[in-house]
Amino acid sequence: MAKLEVDISQLLVNPMNDGGMGSLAIGYNYDSRQLGQEIAEYMFKDLDGTPVSAALNIDKQGNLYELDIWKVDFSPTQMLA
């Protein structure tokens, strides 16, 4: 299990081009970093009943990398809007 100490007031986050599902790129130089591993996942149902996965990922250096939101039918999430 990853142990991260993060000052969330200092986090830089940017929305990702994911068709409106709600994913966020975390930190600087997102495009030049590589996905490491998933450290947490939460499943929930959107307002329309469709399952949604929210996964927190770190990069290969162990830094926060992205919050990956995936709605199983690839439609935009309603609950996060």
C-alpha atoms as a PDB file:
ATOM      1  CA  MET A   1       0.000   0.000   0.000  1.00  0.00           C
ATOM      2  CA  ALA A   2       1.286   3.471  -0.875  1.00  0.00           C
ATOM      3  CA  LYS A   3       1.779   5.983   1.901  1.00  0.00           C
ATOM      4  CA  LEU A   4       1.412   9.499   0.560  1.00  0.00           C
ATOM      5  CA  GLU A   5       1.808  12.758   2.409  1.00  0.00           C
ATOM      6  CA  VAL A   6       0.161  15.448   0.314  1.00  0.00           C
ATOM      7  CA  ASP A   7      -0.750  19.049   1.054  1.00  0.00           C
ATOM      8  CA  ILE A   8      -3.981  19.176  -0.938  1.00  0.00           C
ATOM      9  CA  SER A   9      -3.994  22.977  -0.848  1.00  0.00           C
ATOM     10  CA  GLN A  10      -0.907  22.827  -3.092  1.00  0.00           C
ATOM     11  CA  LEU A  11      -2.274  20.317  -5.641  1.00  0.00           C
ATOM     12  CA  LEU A  12      -2.499  21.318  -9.281  1.00  0.00           C
ATOM     13  CA  VAL A  13      -5.363  19.530 -11.045  1.00  0.00           C
ATOM     14  CA  ASN A  14      -6.613  19.833 -14.604  1.00  0.00           C
ATOM     15  CA  PRO A  15      -9.673  18.260 -16.199  1.00  0.00           C
ATOM     16  CA  MET A  16      -8.902  15.502 -18.687  1.00  0.00           C
ATOM     17  CA  ASN A  17     -10.466  15.147 -22.119  1.00  0.00           C
ATOM     18  CA  ASP A  18     -12.528  12.070 -21.275  1.00  0.00           C
ATOM     19  CA  GLY A  19     -15.902  12.878 -22.781  1.00  0.00           C
ATOM     20  CA  GLY A  20     -17.281  14.479 -19.637  1.00  0.00           C
ATOM     21  CA  MET A  21     -16.741  11.584 -17.241  1.00  0.00           C
ATOM     22  CA  GLY A  22     -14.815  13.812 -14.800  1.00  0.00           C
ATOM     23  CA  SER A  23     -11.208  12.561 -14.725  1.00  0.00           C
ATOM     24  CA  LEU A  24      -8.490  14.869 -13.371  1.00  0.00           C
ATOM     25  CA  ALA A  25      -4.767  15.008 -14.166  1.00  0.00           C
ATOM     26  CA  ILE A  26      -2.826  15.736 -10.975  1.00  0.00           C
ATOM     27  CA  GLY A  27       0.422  17.668 -10.725  1.00  0.00           C
ATOM     28  CA  TYR A  28       2.865  19.237 -13.126  1.00  0.00           C
ATOM     29  CA  ASN A  29       4.167  17.616 -16.322  1.00  0.00           C
ATOM     30  CA  TYR A  30       1.330  15.093 -16.513  1.00  0.00           C
ATOM     31  CA  ASP A  31       2.032  14.253 -20.158  1.00  0.00           C
ATOM     32  CA  SER A  32       5.708  13.478 -19.521  1.00  0.00           C
ATOM     33  CA  ARG A  33       5.052  11.164 -16.558  1.00  0.00           C
ATOM     34  CA  GLN A  34       3.988   7.514 -16.659  1.00  0.00           C
ATOM     35  CA  LEU A  35       1.191   5.705 -14.882  1.00  0.00           C
ATOM     36  CA  GLY A  36       2.470   3.643 -11.989  1.00  0.00           C
ATOM     37  CA  GLN A  37      -0.387   1.912 -10.204  1.00  0.00           C
ATOM     38  CA  GLU A  38      -3.848   2.279  -8.775  1.00  0.00           C
ATOM     39  CA  ILE A  39      -3.847   2.962  -5.039  1.00  0.00           C
ATOM     40  CA  ALA A  40      -7.571   3.323  -4.375  1.00  0.00           C
ATOM     41  CA  GLU A  41     -10.842   2.669  -6.158  1.00  0.00           C
ATOM     42  CA  TYR A  42     -14.450   3.471  -5.374  1.00  0.00           C
ATOM     43  CA  MET A  43     -17.452   2.212  -7.343  1.00  0.00           C
ATOM     44  CA  PHE A  44     -20.779   4.036  -7.346  1.00  0.00           C
ATOM     45  CA  LYS A  45     -23.862   4.422  -9.501  1.00  0.00           C
ATOM     46  CA  ASP A  46     -24.512   7.646 -11.384  1.00  0.00           C
ATOM     47  CA  LEU A  47     -27.917   9.322 -11.216  1.00  0.00           C
ATOM     48  CA  ASP A  48     -29.042   7.257 -14.215  1.00  0.00           C
ATOM     49  CA  GLY A  49     -28.053   4.001 -12.467  1.00  0.00           C
ATOM     50  CA  THR A  50     -24.951   3.353 -14.598  1.00  0.00           C
ATOM     51  CA  PRO A  51     -21.893   2.079 -12.658  1.00  0.00           C
ATOM     52  CA  VAL A  52     -18.938   4.468 -12.341  1.00  0.00           C
ATOM     53  CA  SER A  53     -15.384   3.717 -11.194  1.00  0.00           C
ATOM     54  CA  ALA A  54     -13.252   6.386  -9.514  1.00  0.00           C
ATOM     55  CA  ALA A  55      -9.612   5.271  -9.301  1.00  0.00           C
ATOM     56  CA  LEU A  56      -6.757   7.224  -7.726  1.00  0.00           C
ATOM     57  CA  ASN A  57      -3.468   6.483  -9.499  1.00  0.00           C
ATOM     58  CA  ILE A  58       0.165   7.307  -8.787  1.00  0.00           C
ATOM     59  CA  ASP A  59       2.992   7.683 -11.280  1.00  0.00           C
ATOM     60  CA  LYS A  60       6.089   5.455 -11.463  1.00  0.00           C
ATOM     61  CA  GLN A  61       7.829   7.690  -8.891  1.00  0.00           C
ATOM     62  CA  GLY A  62       4.996   7.286  -6.376  1.00  0.00           C
ATOM     63  CA  ASN A  63       3.475  10.758  -6.823  1.00  0.00           C
ATOM     64  CA  LEU A  64      -0.225  11.423  -7.313  1.00  0.00           C
ATOM     65  CA  TYR A  65      -0.913  11.134 -11.038  1.00  0.00           C
ATOM     66  CA  GLU A  66      -4.627  11.125 -11.822  1.00  0.00           C
ATOM     67  CA  LEU A  67      -8.133  10.608 -10.580  1.00  0.00           C
ATOM     68  CA  ASP A  68      -9.537   8.373 -13.302  1.00  0.00           C
ATOM     69  CA  ILE A  69     -13.331   8.479 -13.541  1.00  0.00           C
ATOM     70  CA  TRP A  70     -14.797   5.836 -15.837  1.00  0.00           C
ATOM     71  CA  LYS A  71     -18.498   5.405 -16.489  1.00  0.00           C
ATOM     72  CA  VAL A  72     -18.974   1.942 -17.944  1.00  0.00           C
ATOM     73  CA  ASP A  73     -21.063   3.170 -20.881  1.00  0.00           C
ATOM     74  CA  PHE A  74     -18.602   6.036 -21.568  1.00  0.00           C
ATOM     75  CA  SER A  75     -21.337   8.669 -21.193  1.00  0.00           C
ATOM     76  CA  PRO A  76     -20.742  11.888 -19.191  1.00  0.00           C
ATOM     77  CA  THR A  77     -21.258  11.559 -15.448  1.00  0.00           C
ATOM     78  CA  GLN A  78     -24.273  13.374 -14.073  1.00  0.00           C
ATOM     79  CA  MET A  79     -23.473  13.143 -10.358  1.00  0.00           C
ATOM     80  CA  LEU A  80     -20.193  15.077 -10.717  1.00  0.00           C
ATOM     81  CA  ALA A  81     -21.642  17.876 -12.836  1.00  0.00           C
END
